[in-house]
Amino acid sequence: MTEVENISERRYHNTSSAYVLPNDAVEQNRLDAQAAAIVEMIGGTTCLAPILSMTRVSKAVDVGCGTGVATVQIAGIFPSAKVYGLDISDIPEAVQKMAPANAAWAVGNVLNVDYNKPGDDVMSREIFAPGKLDYIFGRMLFLGINDWPRYFSTAYHSLKSGGIIEHQDLDWNFYRVGTTDCLSENWEWHRAVVSEAEQSGLSTRAGSNAQVIMEKAGLEIISVQTFEFSFVPSSKTPNSQAMGRYVQAKLVPQYPELLRKMLGAQGIAGEDLERLTKESLRDIASEEGVHQKYTVTIARKP
């Protein structure tokens, strides 16, 4: 079993990954709710890749699979393929028991794959073996990947010619519903969080910047779509209403802990942390439809 670290009554991953969120039952419940809300937001399906034309998929991987929800769904879409769920912590036992027979599970960090010094672990030997993957799926990796060129380079080398990568991810800025009017530019707490993220090597535009980095890695872009990841439900974005309800019920209660981790790394504590936390909770619920941009980028290896 993967070791975990207990801090402030929450359980955390004990790895070299940049990921800052907990690894416990509360977090797993949040991840499941988030997965369902994302599916509704993007149109009722897990994947936006051209599934109907992907008729010869024999091996796929769900990177950063969390509780394994998407892995199970992808295994159902491609019943003849071996579909790996990869995460930095163990996948819940209940999910492993109910998953279809073509689903497999592995613990590891994709950034540890090194084609110059191949290891004997399952990631190097099997999952990301050069030119063997037909489909790579990754969703909401923005808090865990701190080297995007390396990630997409690994994807390029591990895909077969014609293989597909689907990247679904979030930008950190907040916007007014239906617009590109940025609301978060003047939020002090947000500037502090962004500063800490950038110091940790995380990208605050993991969604919108993916296309450029994927192209530099040698991948050909098939499509790019953007959605509103709502923090407050709005009638103006019907597909994002479930997301807004999820955020208010499941994500907002976790914000103080997220800020404690990220701002605490900058030495912000006590009254300053309490003030910034209150401001964040006010700002992310400040108006109907306030949202972050969620981008789905799909590319092919030539």
Protein backbone atom coordinates (compact mmCIF):
# COMPACT_ATOMS: atom_id res chain seq x y z
CA MET A 1 0.00 0.00 0.00
CA THR A 2 1.13 3.56 -0.67
CA GLU A 3 2.31 5.45 2.39
CA VAL A 4 0.29 8.48 3.37
CA GLU A 5 0.96 11.41 5.64
CA ASN A 6 -1.47 12.71 8.27
CA ILE A 7 -1.62 16.48 8.71
CA SER A 8 -4.32 18.49 10.46
CA GLU A 9 -6.68 15.48 10.63
CA ARG A 10 -6.51 14.98 6.83
CA ARG A 11 -4.55 12.23 5.08
CA TYR A 12 -2.11 13.20 2.32
CA HIS A 13 -0.10 11.49 -0.39
CA ASN A 14 3.48 10.90 0.71
CA THR A 15 5.21 11.15 -2.69
CA SER A 16 7.46 13.54 -4.59
CA SER A 17 4.46 14.69 -6.64
CA ALA A 18 3.46 18.36 -6.53
CA TYR A 19 -0.12 17.33 -5.69
CA VAL A 20 -1.35 19.16 -2.58
CA LEU A 21 -4.87 17.81 -2.02
CA PRO A 22 -5.67 15.07 0.54
CA ASN A 23 -5.97 11.32 0.02
CA ASP A 24 -8.82 10.17 2.23
CA ALA A 25 -12.49 9.17 2.09
CA VAL A 26 -13.68 12.80 2.08
CA GLU A 27 -11.47 13.60 -0.89
CA GLN A 28 -12.47 10.44 -2.76
CA ASN A 29 -16.12 11.36 -2.33
CA ARG A 30 -15.38 14.84 -3.71
CA LEU A 31 -13.52 13.40 -6.71
CA ASP A 32 -16.45 11.13 -7.60
CA ALA A 33 -18.88 14.06 -7.44
CA GLN A 34 -16.52 16.19 -9.52
CA ALA A 35 -16.24 13.48 -12.18
CA ALA A 36 -20.03 13.31 -12.56
CA ALA A 37 -20.30 17.11 -12.81
CA ILE A 38 -17.56 17.28 -15.46
CA VAL A 39 -19.32 14.65 -17.58
CA GLU A 40 -22.53 16.69 -17.52
CA MET A 41 -20.63 19.92 -18.23
CA ILE A 42 -18.97 18.61 -21.40
CA GLY A 43 -22.13 17.03 -22.79
CA GLY A 44 -22.85 13.77 -20.99
CA THR A 45 -19.78 11.73 -21.91
CA THR A 46 -16.45 11.02 -20.25
CA CYS A 47 -14.37 11.36 -23.41
CA LEU A 48 -14.58 13.79 -26.32
CA ALA A 49 -12.02 11.86 -28.38
CA PRO A 50 -13.30 10.50 -31.74
CA ILE A 51 -14.37 7.20 -30.17
CA LEU A 52 -16.26 5.90 -33.21
CA SER A 53 -13.14 6.02 -35.37
CA MET A 54 -10.93 4.46 -32.66
CA THR A 55 -11.70 0.87 -33.63
CA ARG A 56 -8.36 -0.79 -32.89
CA VAL A 57 -7.59 0.36 -29.36
CA SER A 58 -5.68 -2.40 -27.56
CA LYS A 59 -4.04 -0.42 -24.74
CA ALA A 60 -5.04 2.80 -22.97
CA VAL A 61 -4.18 4.65 -19.78
CA ASP A 62 -6.08 7.05 -17.52
CA VAL A 63 -3.34 9.24 -16.02
CA GLY A 64 -4.03 10.57 -12.52
CA CYS A 65 -7.11 8.38 -12.33
CA GLY A 66 -8.01 9.28 -8.72
CA THR A 67 -10.82 6.96 -7.65
CA GLY A 68 -10.79 5.16 -11.01
CA VAL A 69 -14.22 6.35 -12.17
CA ALA A 70 -13.05 7.38 -15.65
CA THR A 71 -10.84 4.27 -15.94
CA VAL A 72 -13.89 2.05 -15.46
CA GLN A 73 -15.86 4.08 -17.99
CA ILE A 74 -13.05 3.97 -20.57
CA ALA A 75 -12.68 0.21 -20.02
CA GLY A 76 -16.37 -0.06 -20.86
CA ILE A 77 -15.94 2.01 -24.03
CA PHE A 78 -13.03 -0.17 -25.19
CA PRO A 79 -13.88 -3.68 -23.92
CA SER A 80 -11.17 -5.32 -26.03
CA ALA A 81 -8.42 -3.03 -24.71
CA LYS A 82 -6.33 -3.24 -21.57
CA VAL A 83 -7.06 0.01 -19.76
CA TYR A 84 -4.71 1.12 -17.00
CA GLY A 85 -5.69 3.46 -14.19
CA LEU A 86 -2.54 5.21 -12.93
CA ASP A 87 -2.36 7.35 -9.81
CA ILE A 88 0.14 8.35 -7.13
CA SER A 89 -1.96 6.50 -4.52
CA ASP A 90 -3.84 3.22 -4.45
CA ILE A 91 -7.24 3.14 -6.13
CA PRO A 92 -10.10 2.34 -3.69
CA GLU A 93 -10.53 -1.40 -3.23
CA ALA A 94 -14.27 -1.22 -3.90
CA VAL A 95 -13.62 0.25 -7.36
CA GLN A 96 -11.05 -2.42 -8.18
CA LYS A 97 -13.53 -5.14 -7.25
CA MET A 98 -16.34 -3.81 -9.43
CA ALA A 99 -14.20 -2.81 -12.43
CA PRO A 100 -14.42 -4.81 -15.67
CA ALA A 101 -11.79 -7.48 -16.27
CA ASN A 102 -9.93 -5.36 -18.84
CA ALA A 103 -9.14 -2.64 -16.27
CA ALA A 104 -5.77 -2.74 -14.52
CA TRP A 105 -4.32 -0.54 -11.80
CA ALA A 106 -0.88 0.89 -11.10
CA VAL A 107 0.63 3.30 -8.58
CA GLY A 108 3.21 5.75 -9.86
CA ASN A 109 4.02 9.22 -11.18
CA VAL A 110 4.06 9.56 -14.96
CA LEU A 111 6.82 12.17 -14.64
CA ASN A 112 9.14 9.44 -13.39
CA VAL A 113 9.14 7.70 -16.77
CA ASP A 114 12.63 8.14 -18.24
CA TYR A 115 13.31 6.76 -21.73
CA ASN A 116 17.04 7.41 -21.31
CA LYS A 117 17.15 5.26 -18.17
CA PRO A 118 14.21 2.85 -18.49
CA GLY A 119 13.24 1.18 -15.23
CA ASP A 120 11.76 -2.22 -14.53
CA ASP A 121 8.55 -0.81 -13.02
CA VAL A 122 5.16 -1.33 -14.65
CA MET A 123 5.08 2.24 -15.96
CA SER A 124 8.32 1.92 -17.92
CA ARG A 125 8.05 -1.76 -18.80
CA GLU A 126 4.40 -1.91 -19.79
CA ILE A 127 2.19 1.18 -19.64
CA PHE A 128 4.47 3.74 -21.30
CA ALA A 129 6.62 1.37 -23.36
CA PRO A 130 7.63 3.26 -26.54
CA GLY A 131 5.03 3.19 -29.31
CA LYS A 132 2.55 0.87 -27.58
CA LEU A 133 -0.36 3.04 -26.37
CA ASP A 134 -3.45 3.75 -28.45
CA TYR A 135 -5.14 6.25 -26.11
CA ILE A 136 -4.02 8.45 -23.21
CA PHE A 137 -6.68 10.16 -21.10
CA GLY A 138 -5.87 12.77 -18.46
CA ARG A 139 -8.30 14.95 -16.53
CA MET A 140 -7.74 17.65 -13.90
CA LEU A 141 -3.98 17.12 -13.60
CA PHE A 142 -3.21 20.80 -12.95
CA LEU A 143 -2.34 20.25 -9.28
CA GLY A 144 -0.11 17.25 -9.94
CA ILE A 145 1.94 17.89 -13.08
CA ASN A 146 4.78 20.37 -12.65
CA ASP A 147 6.57 19.59 -15.92
CA TRP A 148 4.15 19.71 -18.84
CA PRO A 149 6.77 19.44 -21.62
CA ARG A 150 8.00 16.21 -20.02
CA TYR A 151 4.45 14.87 -19.67
CA PHE A 152 3.52 15.48 -23.29
CA SER A 153 6.91 14.22 -24.50
CA THR A 154 6.25 10.97 -22.61
CA ALA A 155 2.82 10.83 -24.22
CA TYR A 156 4.33 11.31 -27.68
CA HIS A 157 6.94 8.57 -27.21
CA SER A 158 4.50 6.08 -25.71
CA LEU A 159 1.75 6.48 -28.31
CA LYS A 160 1.55 4.41 -31.47
CA SER A 161 1.46 6.31 -34.75
CA GLY A 162 -2.15 7.48 -34.97
CA GLY A 163 -2.63 7.13 -31.21
CA ILE A 164 -4.79 9.71 -29.42
CA ILE A 165 -4.22 11.79 -26.30
CA GLU A 166 -7.10 13.60 -24.62
CA HIS A 167 -6.22 16.30 -22.11
CA GLN A 168 -8.96 17.90 -19.98
CA ASP A 169 -7.81 20.60 -17.61
CA LEU A 170 -8.48 23.83 -15.79
CA ASP A 171 -7.07 27.36 -15.77
CA TRP A 172 -6.82 29.15 -12.43
CA ASN A 173 -8.35 32.56 -13.25
CA PHE A 174 -12.01 33.30 -12.54
CA TYR A 175 -14.37 34.88 -15.09
CA ARG A 176 -17.83 36.41 -15.35
CA VAL A 177 -20.47 34.08 -16.82
CA GLY A 178 -20.51 33.92 -20.60
CA THR A 179 -17.54 36.28 -20.95
CA THR A 180 -13.75 36.51 -20.83
CA ASP A 181 -13.96 39.28 -18.20
CA CYS A 182 -11.42 38.23 -15.57
CA LEU A 183 -12.66 38.76 -12.01
CA SER A 184 -9.69 37.42 -10.08
CA GLU A 185 -6.98 39.87 -11.16
CA ASN A 186 -7.49 41.98 -8.05
CA TRP A 187 -8.13 39.20 -5.54
CA GLU A 188 -5.25 39.22 -3.04
CA TRP A 189 -5.72 35.59 -1.98
CA HIS A 190 -5.77 34.48 -5.61
CA ARG A 191 -2.53 36.28 -6.40
CA ALA A 192 -0.92 34.54 -3.43
CA VAL A 193 -2.19 31.12 -4.52
CA VAL A 194 -1.02 31.69 -8.10
CA SER A 195 2.39 32.79 -6.82
CA GLU A 196 2.77 29.62 -4.76
CA ALA A 197 1.62 27.46 -7.66
CA GLU A 198 4.15 29.00 -10.02
CA GLN A 199 6.94 28.64 -7.44
CA SER A 200 6.03 24.94 -7.22
CA GLY A 201 6.33 24.61 -10.98
CA LEU A 202 2.58 24.24 -11.53
CA SER A 203 0.95 25.88 -14.53
CA THR A 204 -2.00 28.18 -13.86
CA ARG A 205 -3.09 27.64 -17.48
CA ALA A 206 -2.89 23.87 -17.66
CA GLY A 207 -5.96 23.83 -19.88
CA SER A 208 -5.48 26.68 -22.34
CA ASN A 209 -1.69 26.27 -22.71
CA ALA A 210 -1.84 22.56 -23.51
CA GLN A 211 -2.19 22.99 -27.27
CA VAL A 212 1.12 24.83 -27.67
CA ILE A 213 3.06 22.37 -25.52
CA MET A 214 1.49 19.36 -27.24
CA GLU A 215 2.45 20.73 -30.64
CA LYS A 216 6.03 21.31 -29.48
CA ALA A 217 6.14 17.66 -28.37
CA GLY A 218 5.28 16.61 -31.93
CA LEU A 219 1.57 15.94 -31.50
CA GLU A 220 -1.03 17.05 -34.07
CA ILE A 221 -4.04 18.87 -32.63
CA ILE A 222 -7.42 17.44 -33.58
CA SER A 223 -9.72 19.72 -31.57
CA VAL A 224 -9.86 22.22 -28.71
CA GLN A 225 -13.07 22.96 -26.78
CA THR A 226 -13.60 25.24 -23.80
CA PHE A 227 -16.28 24.97 -21.10
CA GLU A 228 -17.32 27.00 -18.06
CA PHE A 229 -16.39 25.25 -14.81
CA SER A 230 -18.97 27.12 -12.75
CA PHE A 231 -18.53 27.86 -9.05
CA VAL A 232 -22.08 29.21 -8.75
CA PRO A 233 -24.93 27.76 -10.85
CA SER A 234 -26.28 30.01 -13.62
CA SER A 235 -29.28 29.64 -15.93
CA LYS A 236 -27.06 31.11 -18.68
CA THR A 237 -24.93 27.94 -18.74
CA PRO A 238 -27.32 25.00 -18.28
CA ASN A 239 -24.67 22.30 -18.75
CA SER A 240 -22.60 23.84 -15.94
CA GLN A 241 -25.35 23.99 -13.34
CA ALA A 242 -24.44 20.58 -11.95
CA MET A 243 -20.86 21.79 -11.69
CA GLY A 244 -21.94 24.86 -9.72
CA ARG A 245 -23.94 22.69 -7.33
CA TYR A 246 -21.01 20.31 -6.90
CA VAL A 247 -18.60 23.18 -6.18
CA GLN A 248 -20.85 24.69 -3.54
CA ALA A 249 -21.54 21.35 -1.86
CA LYS A 250 -18.18 19.59 -2.14
CA LEU A 251 -15.35 21.88 -3.25
CA VAL A 252 -16.00 25.10 -1.32
CA PRO A 253 -15.86 23.27 2.05
CA GLN A 254 -12.37 22.05 1.05
CA TYR A 255 -11.08 25.51 0.13
CA PRO A 256 -9.82 26.43 3.63
CA GLU A 257 -7.65 23.30 3.69
CA LEU A 258 -6.34 23.95 0.18
CA LEU A 259 -5.43 27.52 1.13
CA ARG A 260 -3.83 26.34 4.36
CA LYS A 261 -1.53 24.10 2.35
CA MET A 262 -0.71 26.53 -0.44
CA LEU A 263 -0.50 29.79 1.50
CA GLY A 264 1.15 28.11 4.46
CA ALA A 265 4.04 27.24 2.16
CA GLN A 266 4.58 31.01 1.81
CA GLY A 267 4.57 31.52 5.56
CA ILE A 268 1.05 32.94 5.63
CA ALA A 269 -0.72 31.84 8.80
CA GLY A 270 -2.81 33.05 11.70
CA GLU A 271 -4.96 36.13 11.15
CA ASP A 272 -3.64 36.72 7.62
CA LEU A 273 -4.58 33.19 6.58
CA GLU A 274 -7.99 33.53 8.20
CA ARG A 275 -8.61 36.85 6.41
CA LEU A 276 -7.54 35.57 3.00
CA THR A 277 -9.63 32.42 3.45
CA LYS A 278 -12.74 34.49 4.21
CA GLU A 279 -12.06 36.67 1.18
CA SER A 280 -11.68 33.62 -1.06
CA LEU A 281 -14.98 32.14 0.07
CA ARG A 282 -16.66 35.48 -0.56
CA ASP A 283 -15.10 35.98 -3.99
CA ILE A 284 -15.73 32.53 -5.48
CA ALA A 285 -19.43 32.91 -4.66
CA SER A 286 -19.62 36.61 -5.51
CA GLU A 287 -21.96 36.33 -8.49
CA GLU A 288 -24.02 33.86 -10.48
CA GLY A 289 -21.99 31.90 -13.00
CA VAL A 290 -18.51 32.88 -11.78
CA HIS A 291 -16.29 30.25 -13.33
CA GLN A 292 -12.89 28.97 -14.40
CA LYS A 293 -12.13 27.89 -17.97
CA TYR A 294 -12.02 24.14 -18.61
CA THR A 295 -10.32 23.13 -21.85
CA VAL A 296 -10.43 19.78 -23.62
CA THR A 297 -7.56 19.33 -26.08
CA ILE A 298 -7.35 16.24 -28.27
CA ALA A 299 -4.28 15.40 -30.32
CA ARG A 300 -2.83 12.60 -32.42
CA LYS A 301 0.68 11.22 -32.86
CA PRO A 302 1.51 11.43 -36.58
